[in-house]
N, C-alpha and C. Protein backbone atom coordinates (compact mmCIF):
# COMPACT_ATOMS: atom_id res chain seq x y z
N MET A 1 91.92 46.91 14.59
CA MET A 1 90.75 47.49 15.34
C MET A 1 90.49 48.75 14.83
N SER A 2 89.36 49.13 14.55
CA SER A 2 89.15 50.42 13.91
C SER A 2 89.16 51.69 15.15
N THR A 3 89.16 52.42 14.68
CA THR A 3 89.55 53.91 15.63
C THR A 3 88.16 53.79 16.49
N LEU A 4 86.70 53.68 15.89
CA LEU A 4 85.80 53.49 16.61
C LEU A 4 85.76 52.79 17.88
N ASN A 5 86.00 51.34 17.53
CA ASN A 5 86.11 50.20 18.21
C ASN A 5 87.20 50.41 19.48
N ARG A 6 88.36 50.77 19.16
CA ARG A 6 89.26 51.36 20.35
C ARG A 6 88.69 52.60 20.98
N ARG A 7 87.80 53.64 20.73
CA ARG A 7 87.14 54.67 21.37
C ARG A 7 86.31 53.50 22.14
N SER A 8 85.46 53.06 21.87
CA SER A 8 84.26 52.23 22.59
C SER A 8 85.11 51.22 23.63
N LEU A 9 86.38 50.55 23.47
CA LEU A 9 86.38 49.97 24.42
C LEU A 9 87.61 50.96 25.68
N ILE A 10 88.02 52.03 25.31
CA ILE A 10 88.93 52.55 26.09
C ILE A 10 87.75 53.62 26.87
N MET A 11 86.77 53.76 26.76
CA MET A 11 85.54 54.78 27.54
C MET A 11 84.91 53.71 28.21
N GLY A 12 84.55 52.28 27.63
CA GLY A 12 84.16 51.41 28.59
C GLY A 12 85.16 51.01 29.57
N ALA A 13 86.23 50.81 29.27
CA ALA A 13 87.14 50.80 30.34
C ALA A 13 87.30 51.91 31.33
N ALA A 14 86.99 52.85 30.95
CA ALA A 14 87.32 54.26 31.94
C ALA A 14 86.25 54.38 33.00
N SER A 15 84.76 53.71 32.41
CA SER A 15 83.58 54.20 33.01
C SER A 15 83.52 52.90 34.33
N VAL A 16 84.42 51.78 34.20
CA VAL A 16 84.34 50.76 35.59
C VAL A 16 84.69 51.63 36.58
N PRO A 17 85.85 52.12 36.61
CA PRO A 17 85.97 52.78 38.18
C PRO A 17 84.56 53.92 38.54
N LEU A 18 84.19 54.79 37.55
CA LEU A 18 83.04 55.58 37.91
C LEU A 18 81.95 54.62 38.50
N LEU A 19 81.34 53.61 37.64
CA LEU A 19 80.53 52.94 38.33
C LEU A 19 80.63 52.36 39.72
N SER A 20 81.99 51.58 39.81
CA SER A 20 82.17 50.71 41.17
C SER A 20 82.11 51.90 42.41
N ALA A 21 82.43 53.33 42.09
CA ALA A 21 82.19 54.35 43.08
C ALA A 21 80.67 54.76 43.40
N CYS A 22 79.54 53.72 43.06
CA CYS A 22 77.84 54.00 42.74
C CYS A 22 77.66 53.54 44.25
N GLY A 23 78.24 52.76 45.23
CA GLY A 23 77.86 52.28 46.59
C GLY A 23 76.98 51.12 46.48
N ASN A 24 76.97 50.63 45.40
CA ASN A 24 75.82 49.12 45.48
C ASN A 24 76.62 47.96 45.30
N GLY A 25 77.74 47.89 45.58
CA GLY A 25 78.20 46.79 45.86
C GLY A 25 78.11 45.68 46.71
N LEU A 26 78.42 44.72 46.82
CA LEU A 26 78.16 43.30 47.86
C LEU A 26 78.62 44.34 49.14
N GLY A 27 77.95 44.06 50.30
CA GLY A 27 77.86 44.60 51.45
C GLY A 27 77.44 45.83 51.96
N SER A 28 77.07 46.59 50.89
CA SER A 28 76.60 47.96 51.21
C SER A 28 75.43 47.88 51.53
N ASN A 29 75.11 49.10 52.57
CA ASN A 29 73.94 48.99 53.01
C ASN A 29 72.83 50.16 52.50
N ALA A 30 72.74 50.11 51.01
CA ALA A 30 71.86 51.08 50.11
C ALA A 30 70.42 50.46 50.20
N ALA A 31 70.26 49.38 50.51
CA ALA A 31 68.80 48.81 50.63
C ALA A 31 68.24 49.45 52.09
N ASP A 32 68.89 49.56 52.80
CA ASP A 32 68.88 49.89 54.18
C ASP A 32 68.35 51.17 54.03
N ARG A 33 69.21 51.98 53.40
CA ARG A 33 69.13 53.70 53.23
C ARG A 33 67.95 53.80 52.43
N ILE A 34 67.50 53.01 51.70
CA ILE A 34 66.44 53.28 50.71
C ILE A 34 65.18 52.99 51.61
N ASP A 35 65.19 51.84 52.02
CA ASP A 35 64.04 51.74 53.25
C ASP A 35 63.35 52.60 54.02
N ALA A 36 64.78 53.38 54.48
CA ALA A 36 64.57 54.12 55.48
C ALA A 36 63.92 55.54 55.02
N ARG A 37 64.40 55.61 54.02
CA ARG A 37 63.94 57.08 53.27
C ARG A 37 62.30 56.76 52.84
N VAL A 38 62.27 55.72 52.32
CA VAL A 38 60.77 55.39 52.19
C VAL A 38 59.71 55.34 52.97
N ASP A 39 60.49 54.73 54.24
CA ASP A 39 59.51 55.01 55.39
C ASP A 39 59.18 56.30 55.92
N SER A 40 60.21 57.33 56.20
CA SER A 40 59.89 58.58 56.50
C SER A 40 59.29 59.48 55.53
N ALA A 41 59.35 58.88 53.99
CA ALA A 41 58.69 59.59 52.93
C ALA A 41 57.12 59.22 53.17
N ILE A 42 56.45 57.91 53.66
CA ILE A 42 55.33 57.49 53.80
C ILE A 42 54.84 58.11 55.09
N GLN A 43 55.34 58.41 56.14
CA GLN A 43 55.04 58.97 57.27
C GLN A 43 54.72 60.38 56.93
N PHE A 44 55.88 61.21 56.16
CA PHE A 44 55.26 62.32 55.71
C PHE A 44 53.96 62.69 54.93
N MET A 45 53.85 61.32 54.05
CA MET A 45 52.41 61.52 53.19
C MET A 45 51.42 61.46 54.10
N TYR A 46 51.44 60.37 54.75
CA TYR A 46 50.47 60.40 55.64
C TYR A 46 50.03 61.52 56.50
N ASP A 47 51.15 62.24 57.37
CA ASP A 47 51.04 63.61 57.94
C ASP A 47 50.51 64.58 57.44
N ASN A 48 50.76 64.73 56.03
CA ASN A 48 50.59 66.16 55.33
C ASN A 48 49.66 65.83 54.21
N ILE A 49 49.13 64.60 54.11
CA ILE A 49 48.23 64.37 52.92
C ILE A 49 47.04 63.75 53.38
N PRO A 50 46.11 63.90 53.84
CA PRO A 50 45.07 63.23 54.17
C PRO A 50 44.18 62.47 53.04
N GLY A 51 43.86 61.04 53.41
CA GLY A 51 43.14 60.28 52.40
C GLY A 51 44.54 59.26 51.54
N THR A 52 45.62 59.58 52.01
CA THR A 52 46.74 58.65 51.69
C THR A 52 46.91 57.19 52.15
N ARG A 53 46.19 57.45 53.54
CA ARG A 53 46.47 56.15 54.24
C ARG A 53 45.11 54.99 53.64
N ASP A 54 44.19 55.53 53.22
CA ASP A 54 43.25 54.89 52.72
C ASP A 54 43.55 54.37 51.37
N LEU A 55 44.23 55.41 50.65
CA LEU A 55 44.54 54.91 49.25
C LEU A 55 45.52 53.96 49.40
N MET A 56 46.75 53.74 50.19
CA MET A 56 47.51 52.83 50.59
C MET A 56 46.94 51.62 50.74
N SER A 57 45.98 51.28 51.55
CA SER A 57 45.28 50.18 51.89
C SER A 57 44.54 49.60 50.91
N ASP A 58 43.97 50.42 49.79
CA ASP A 58 43.23 49.83 48.65
C ASP A 58 44.08 49.22 47.43
N ALA A 59 45.41 49.82 47.78
CA ALA A 59 46.15 49.89 46.41
C ALA A 59 46.75 48.39 46.48
N GLU A 60 46.95 47.46 45.46
CA GLU A 60 47.58 46.38 45.04
C GLU A 60 49.12 46.34 45.60
N GLY A 61 49.65 47.48 45.22
CA GLY A 61 51.10 47.78 45.66
C GLY A 61 51.40 49.16 45.56
N VAL A 62 52.35 49.77 46.10
CA VAL A 62 52.89 51.32 46.06
C VAL A 62 54.30 51.54 45.49
N LEU A 63 54.65 52.22 44.45
CA LEU A 63 56.11 52.91 44.52
C LEU A 63 56.33 53.89 45.03
N ILE A 64 57.32 54.03 46.06
CA ILE A 64 57.49 55.31 46.76
C ILE A 64 58.84 55.78 46.53
N MET A 65 59.17 56.74 45.66
CA MET A 65 60.14 57.20 45.39
C MET A 65 60.58 58.91 46.33
N PRO A 66 61.21 58.38 47.44
CA PRO A 66 61.33 59.37 48.64
C PRO A 66 61.95 60.66 48.02
N LEU A 67 63.07 60.27 47.12
CA LEU A 67 63.53 61.66 46.63
C LEU A 67 64.09 61.67 45.14
N ILE A 68 63.45 62.77 44.39
CA ILE A 68 63.89 62.88 42.78
C ILE A 68 64.57 63.99 43.03
N THR A 69 65.52 64.07 42.29
CA THR A 69 66.21 65.19 41.83
C THR A 69 66.58 65.42 40.50
N GLU A 70 65.85 66.76 40.31
CA GLU A 70 65.81 67.43 38.60
C GLU A 70 66.33 68.76 38.70
N ALA A 71 67.38 68.77 37.48
CA ALA A 71 68.19 70.18 37.23
C ALA A 71 68.40 70.33 35.96
N GLY A 72 68.04 71.62 35.54
CA GLY A 72 67.85 71.61 33.78
C GLY A 72 68.25 73.04 33.51
N PHE A 73 69.04 72.91 32.59
CA PHE A 73 69.59 74.71 32.21
C PHE A 73 69.39 74.32 30.69
N GLY A 74 68.19 74.66 29.93
CA GLY A 74 67.79 74.12 28.49
C GLY A 74 67.43 72.37 28.28
N ILE A 75 68.57 71.62 28.76
CA ILE A 75 68.75 70.55 28.65
C ILE A 75 68.78 69.91 30.16
N GLY A 76 68.09 69.05 30.80
CA GLY A 76 67.75 68.58 32.25
C GLY A 76 67.46 67.31 32.15
N GLY A 77 67.70 66.69 33.60
CA GLY A 77 67.27 65.38 33.96
C GLY A 77 66.98 65.26 35.23
N GLY A 78 66.68 64.10 35.90
CA GLY A 78 66.51 63.85 37.17
C GLY A 78 66.58 62.31 37.27
N TYR A 79 66.61 61.98 38.64
CA TYR A 79 66.91 60.61 39.11
C TYR A 79 66.99 60.68 40.42
N GLY A 80 66.00 59.45 40.77
CA GLY A 80 66.11 59.20 42.40
C GLY A 80 65.84 57.46 42.55
N ARG A 81 65.80 57.10 43.59
CA ARG A 81 65.74 55.48 43.99
C ARG A 81 64.53 55.55 44.93
N GLY A 82 63.94 54.20 44.73
CA GLY A 82 62.98 53.84 45.95
C GLY A 82 62.56 52.43 45.75
N ALA A 83 61.63 52.51 46.25
CA ALA A 83 61.03 50.90 46.64
C ALA A 83 59.62 50.33 46.55
N LEU A 84 59.19 49.26 45.93
CA LEU A 84 57.76 48.82 45.63
C LEU A 84 57.32 48.11 47.10
N ARG A 85 56.29 48.46 47.52
CA ARG A 85 55.73 47.80 48.55
C ARG A 85 54.73 47.35 48.38
N ILE A 86 54.39 46.29 48.48
CA ILE A 86 53.16 45.25 48.68
C ILE A 86 52.68 44.49 49.87
N ASN A 87 51.66 45.02 50.43
CA ASN A 87 51.36 44.69 51.74
C ASN A 87 52.20 45.29 52.85
N GLY A 88 52.79 46.59 52.52
CA GLY A 88 53.73 47.06 53.66
C GLY A 88 55.26 46.58 53.75
N ALA A 89 55.45 45.65 52.65
CA ALA A 89 56.80 44.73 52.70
C ALA A 89 57.43 45.13 51.50
N THR A 90 58.83 45.50 51.33
CA THR A 90 59.33 45.52 50.19
C THR A 90 59.63 44.72 49.41
N VAL A 91 59.32 44.82 48.37
CA VAL A 91 59.78 43.33 47.25
C VAL A 91 60.70 43.93 46.28
N ASP A 92 60.93 45.17 46.02
CA ASP A 92 61.82 45.52 44.87
C ASP A 92 62.39 46.80 44.91
N TYR A 93 63.28 47.07 44.44
CA TYR A 93 64.09 48.44 44.59
C TYR A 93 64.09 48.77 43.10
N TYR A 94 63.82 50.18 42.94
CA TYR A 94 63.61 50.91 41.71
C TYR A 94 64.33 52.06 41.66
N SER A 95 64.97 52.66 40.24
CA SER A 95 65.46 53.62 39.89
C SER A 95 64.33 54.59 38.94
N SER A 96 64.65 55.77 38.80
CA SER A 96 63.79 56.58 38.25
C SER A 96 64.61 57.60 37.41
N ALA A 97 64.68 58.05 36.31
CA ALA A 97 65.28 58.73 35.64
C ALA A 97 64.67 59.43 34.46
N SER A 98 64.76 60.66 34.06
CA SER A 98 63.93 61.38 33.12
C SER A 98 64.98 62.44 32.60
N ALA A 99 65.05 62.38 31.44
CA ALA A 99 65.62 63.67 30.68
C ALA A 99 64.57 64.63 29.65
N THR A 100 64.77 65.61 30.05
CA THR A 100 64.20 66.90 29.48
C THR A 100 64.90 67.94 28.45
N PHE A 101 64.10 68.49 27.46
CA PHE A 101 64.67 69.37 26.82
C PHE A 101 63.70 70.76 26.54
N GLY A 102 64.33 71.89 26.67
CA GLY A 102 63.06 72.68 26.19
C GLY A 102 63.79 74.02 26.93
N LEU A 103 62.62 75.14 27.33
CA LEU A 103 63.03 76.26 28.22
C LEU A 103 62.85 75.88 29.61
N GLN A 104 63.74 75.66 30.47
CA GLN A 104 64.01 75.60 31.85
C GLN A 104 65.29 75.96 32.42
N ILE A 105 65.34 76.28 33.64
CA ILE A 105 66.53 76.43 34.10
C ILE A 105 66.23 76.45 36.07
N GLY A 106 66.88 75.89 36.31
CA GLY A 106 66.90 75.32 38.16
C GLY A 106 66.81 74.22 38.27
N ALA A 107 66.58 73.96 39.47
CA ALA A 107 66.51 72.59 40.09
C ALA A 107 65.45 72.13 41.43
N GLN A 108 65.10 71.25 41.15
CA GLN A 108 63.99 70.80 42.21
C GLN A 108 64.10 69.51 43.10
N GLN A 109 63.91 69.51 43.91
CA GLN A 109 63.58 68.07 44.42
C GLN A 109 62.31 67.91 44.96
N TYR A 110 61.94 66.57 45.09
CA TYR A 110 60.22 65.74 45.28
C TYR A 110 60.63 64.70 45.82
N ALA A 111 59.37 64.06 45.86
CA ALA A 111 59.04 62.70 46.34
C ALA A 111 57.69 62.09 45.64
N HIS A 112 57.45 61.19 45.10
CA HIS A 112 55.99 60.84 44.65
C HIS A 112 55.92 59.36 45.02
N ALA A 113 54.69 58.96 44.91
CA ALA A 113 54.09 57.64 45.34
C ALA A 113 53.46 57.20 43.77
N LEU A 114 53.57 55.79 43.43
CA LEU A 114 52.64 55.82 42.67
C LEU A 114 52.06 54.17 43.09
N PHE A 115 50.53 54.45 43.02
CA PHE A 115 49.50 53.45 43.68
C PHE A 115 49.17 52.58 42.62
N PHE A 116 49.25 51.68 42.63
CA PHE A 116 48.77 50.46 41.69
C PHE A 116 47.65 49.99 42.02
N MET A 117 46.32 50.47 41.17
CA MET A 117 45.02 50.28 42.04
C MET A 117 44.42 48.72 41.55
N THR A 118 44.81 48.27 40.63
CA THR A 118 44.56 46.88 39.73
C THR A 118 45.88 45.99 39.69
N PRO A 119 45.42 44.59 39.63
CA PRO A 119 46.43 43.43 40.04
C PRO A 119 47.11 43.58 38.46
N GLU A 120 46.42 43.88 37.60
CA GLU A 120 47.03 43.93 36.54
C GLU A 120 48.14 45.43 36.05
N ALA A 121 47.65 46.54 36.59
CA ALA A 121 48.72 47.52 36.63
C ALA A 121 50.11 46.83 37.27
N LEU A 122 49.72 46.54 38.45
CA LEU A 122 50.78 46.12 38.89
C LEU A 122 52.00 44.89 38.36
N ARG A 123 51.20 44.09 37.94
CA ARG A 123 51.96 43.08 37.37
C ARG A 123 52.54 43.84 35.81
N ASP A 124 51.70 44.56 35.20
CA ASP A 124 52.49 45.29 34.15
C ASP A 124 53.73 46.10 34.51
N PHE A 125 53.65 46.75 35.55
CA PHE A 125 54.84 47.50 36.12
C PHE A 125 56.04 46.55 36.27
N ARG A 126 55.82 45.52 37.10
CA ARG A 126 56.96 44.51 37.96
C ARG A 126 57.55 43.74 36.85
N TYR A 127 56.86 43.59 35.83
CA TYR A 127 57.29 42.42 34.42
C TYR A 127 57.89 43.18 33.56
N SER A 128 57.76 44.71 33.15
CA SER A 128 58.31 45.38 32.30
C SER A 128 60.07 45.48 32.22
N ALA A 129 60.33 45.37 31.09
CA ALA A 129 61.93 45.75 31.03
C ALA A 129 62.32 47.25 31.75
N GLY A 130 61.64 47.84 31.34
CA GLY A 130 61.73 49.25 32.00
C GLY A 130 60.35 49.84 31.81
N TRP A 131 59.81 50.50 33.03
CA TRP A 131 58.09 50.79 32.88
C TRP A 131 58.43 52.74 32.63
N ALA A 132 57.40 53.18 31.79
CA ALA A 132 57.46 54.42 31.53
C ALA A 132 56.19 55.05 31.93
N VAL A 133 55.88 56.34 32.63
CA VAL A 133 54.56 56.64 33.04
C VAL A 133 53.80 56.74 31.73
N GLY A 134 52.95 56.38 31.52
CA GLY A 134 51.79 56.57 30.22
C GLY A 134 50.57 57.31 30.56
N GLY A 135 49.76 56.86 29.63
CA GLY A 135 48.19 57.66 29.72
C GLY A 135 47.56 57.13 30.68
N ASP A 136 47.75 55.61 31.33
CA ASP A 136 46.80 55.15 32.28
C ASP A 136 47.30 55.82 33.94
N ILE A 137 47.96 57.12 33.80
CA ILE A 137 48.05 57.38 35.26
C ILE A 137 47.33 58.41 35.64
N GLU A 138 46.77 58.87 36.74
CA GLU A 138 45.82 59.64 37.15
C GLU A 138 46.45 60.40 38.35
N TYR A 139 46.36 61.87 38.21
CA TYR A 139 46.93 62.56 39.41
C TYR A 139 46.09 62.97 40.68
N ALA A 140 46.55 62.65 41.51
CA ALA A 140 45.67 62.90 43.01
C ALA A 140 45.93 64.01 43.63
N VAL A 141 45.52 65.13 43.53
CA VAL A 141 46.12 66.25 44.21
C VAL A 141 45.27 66.93 45.50
N SER A 142 46.00 67.29 46.36
CA SER A 142 45.01 67.91 47.44
C SER A 142 43.93 68.82 47.46
N ASN A 143 43.06 68.90 47.44
CA ASN A 143 42.25 69.85 47.42
C ASN A 143 41.86 71.21 48.31
N GLN A 144 41.33 71.90 48.13
CA GLN A 144 41.18 73.00 49.22
C GLN A 144 40.81 72.76 50.40
N GLY A 145 40.10 71.36 50.63
CA GLY A 145 39.74 70.43 52.20
C GLY A 145 40.83 70.09 52.84
N GLY A 146 41.93 69.78 51.81
CA GLY A 146 43.26 69.03 52.70
C GLY A 146 43.01 67.67 52.34
N ASN A 147 41.90 67.10 51.49
CA ASN A 147 41.83 65.69 51.27
C ASN A 147 42.30 65.35 49.93
N ILE A 148 42.52 64.23 49.57
CA ILE A 148 43.01 63.64 48.47
C ILE A 148 41.77 63.84 47.60
N SER A 149 41.68 64.21 46.22
CA SER A 149 40.50 64.53 45.58
C SER A 149 40.64 63.20 44.93
N ALA A 150 39.41 62.34 45.19
CA ALA A 150 39.06 60.98 44.62
C ALA A 150 37.62 60.58 44.01
N ASP A 151 37.55 61.25 42.72
CA ASP A 151 36.36 61.26 42.26
C ASP A 151 36.40 59.79 41.44
N THR A 152 35.32 59.70 40.34
CA THR A 152 35.33 58.30 39.87
C THR A 152 36.57 57.92 38.98
N ASN A 153 37.06 59.02 38.12
CA ASN A 153 38.03 58.76 37.60
C ASN A 153 39.35 58.30 38.05
N THR A 154 39.53 59.23 39.18
CA THR A 154 40.70 58.64 40.10
C THR A 154 40.95 57.15 40.81
N LEU A 155 39.27 56.74 41.19
CA LEU A 155 39.34 55.81 41.43
C LEU A 155 39.16 54.44 40.79
N LEU A 156 39.05 54.75 39.62
CA LEU A 156 38.99 53.32 38.36
C LEU A 156 40.36 53.47 37.76
N SER A 157 40.90 54.32 37.86
CA SER A 157 42.33 54.66 37.05
C SER A 157 43.35 53.48 37.41
N PRO A 158 44.03 52.80 36.60
CA PRO A 158 45.25 51.49 36.97
C PRO A 158 46.19 52.15 38.03
N VAL A 159 46.54 53.29 37.63
CA VAL A 159 47.68 53.96 38.73
C VAL A 159 47.24 55.45 39.01
N VAL A 160 47.68 55.82 40.35
CA VAL A 160 47.35 57.12 40.91
C VAL A 160 48.80 57.62 41.37
N ALA A 161 49.03 58.72 40.74
CA ALA A 161 50.17 59.67 41.20
C ALA A 161 49.89 60.55 42.46
N ILE A 162 50.74 60.70 43.21
CA ILE A 162 50.86 62.16 44.19
C ILE A 162 52.16 62.51 44.31
N ILE A 163 52.11 63.62 43.86
CA ILE A 163 54.00 64.18 44.22
C ILE A 163 53.57 65.12 45.47
N PHE A 164 54.85 64.83 46.35
CA PHE A 164 54.60 65.88 47.75
C PHE A 164 56.07 65.99 47.87
N GLY A 165 56.06 66.83 48.69
CA GLY A 165 57.54 67.42 49.23
C GLY A 165 58.27 68.26 48.33
N GLN A 166 57.89 68.85 47.81
CA GLN A 166 58.69 69.98 46.42
C GLN A 166 59.23 71.04 47.10
N ALA A 167 60.55 70.84 46.74
CA ALA A 167 61.37 71.85 47.10
C ALA A 167 62.51 72.48 45.94
N GLY A 168 62.44 73.74 45.65
CA GLY A 168 63.38 74.10 44.48
C GLY A 168 63.01 75.45 43.85
N LEU A 169 63.39 75.34 42.58
CA LEU A 169 63.24 76.43 41.82
C LEU A 169 62.75 76.18 40.28
N ILE A 170 62.37 75.01 40.19
CA ILE A 170 61.45 74.85 38.66
C ILE A 170 60.20 74.79 39.34
N ALA A 171 59.05 75.37 38.57
CA ALA A 171 57.74 75.37 39.00
C ALA A 171 57.15 73.98 38.56
N GLY A 172 56.38 73.74 39.48
CA GLY A 172 55.64 72.47 38.97
C GLY A 172 56.40 71.24 38.80
N ALA A 173 55.83 69.88 39.11
CA ALA A 173 56.63 68.75 38.79
C ALA A 173 55.55 67.77 38.17
N THR A 174 56.39 67.00 37.26
CA THR A 174 55.39 65.94 36.47
C THR A 174 55.99 64.56 36.39
N LEU A 175 55.46 63.89 35.95
CA LEU A 175 55.84 62.52 35.92
C LEU A 175 56.15 62.26 34.23
N GLU A 176 55.75 62.97 33.92
CA GLU A 176 55.84 62.61 32.20
C GLU A 176 57.29 62.24 31.60
N GLY A 177 57.52 61.37 31.29
CA GLY A 177 58.86 61.02 30.58
C GLY A 177 59.82 60.01 31.75
N GLN A 178 59.16 59.98 32.94
CA GLN A 178 59.95 58.99 33.96
C GLN A 178 60.03 57.70 33.61
N ARG A 179 61.18 57.05 33.71
CA ARG A 179 61.19 55.73 33.38
C ARG A 179 61.69 54.89 34.36
N TYR A 180 61.29 53.94 34.94
CA TYR A 180 61.53 53.21 36.24
C TYR A 180 61.99 51.94 35.69
N SER A 181 63.15 51.72 36.47
CA SER A 181 63.79 50.29 36.11
C SER A 181 64.37 49.42 37.45
N ARG A 182 64.10 48.22 37.70
CA ARG A 182 64.27 47.58 38.71
C ARG A 182 65.64 47.52 38.88
N ILE A 183 66.37 47.62 40.14
CA ILE A 183 68.02 47.87 40.60
C ILE A 183 67.89 47.02 41.83
N LEU A 184 69.32 46.69 41.92
CA LEU A 184 70.06 45.56 43.19
C LEU A 184 70.90 46.77 43.90
N PRO A 185 70.30 47.19 45.02
CA PRO A 185 71.02 48.06 45.99
C PRO A 185 72.04 47.52 46.43
């Protein structure tokens, strides 16, 4: 057995205890925790960003990521878990992961929602092996009047993203480079 194969075998075996500590085993209440956080994030969004209730009712489905944590010092990354809801019911759970490189230092946490406005956008998201944010996303932000800006481009976009509840020391938040994967909580 070559040194490289032995090293791979040892590293793989060493990672099993670490992965088992993730709390996603049988009988865990991870799904309940995610759903409770998603419910809180939706209520926060409704209370603080007028227009999101209408956006939610117009969407084919909504992915709510109630807590994304990012940190970086030159090289950084982020992770969070959330749920895809269709007609108000959770249909799948997802994780979001990102990696960054560049001039950065600090950490932040935020929530975000991806509103899938067309059946095709929702289908592409649900049936992909791992979906990455692309050029088909439109950011909706609160304007000075406190409502979501919904111009023609936003309303016709297949995916609308809202970032909210930011806290931390990294200026700005973007979903560029985020990758979403279905998980079993």
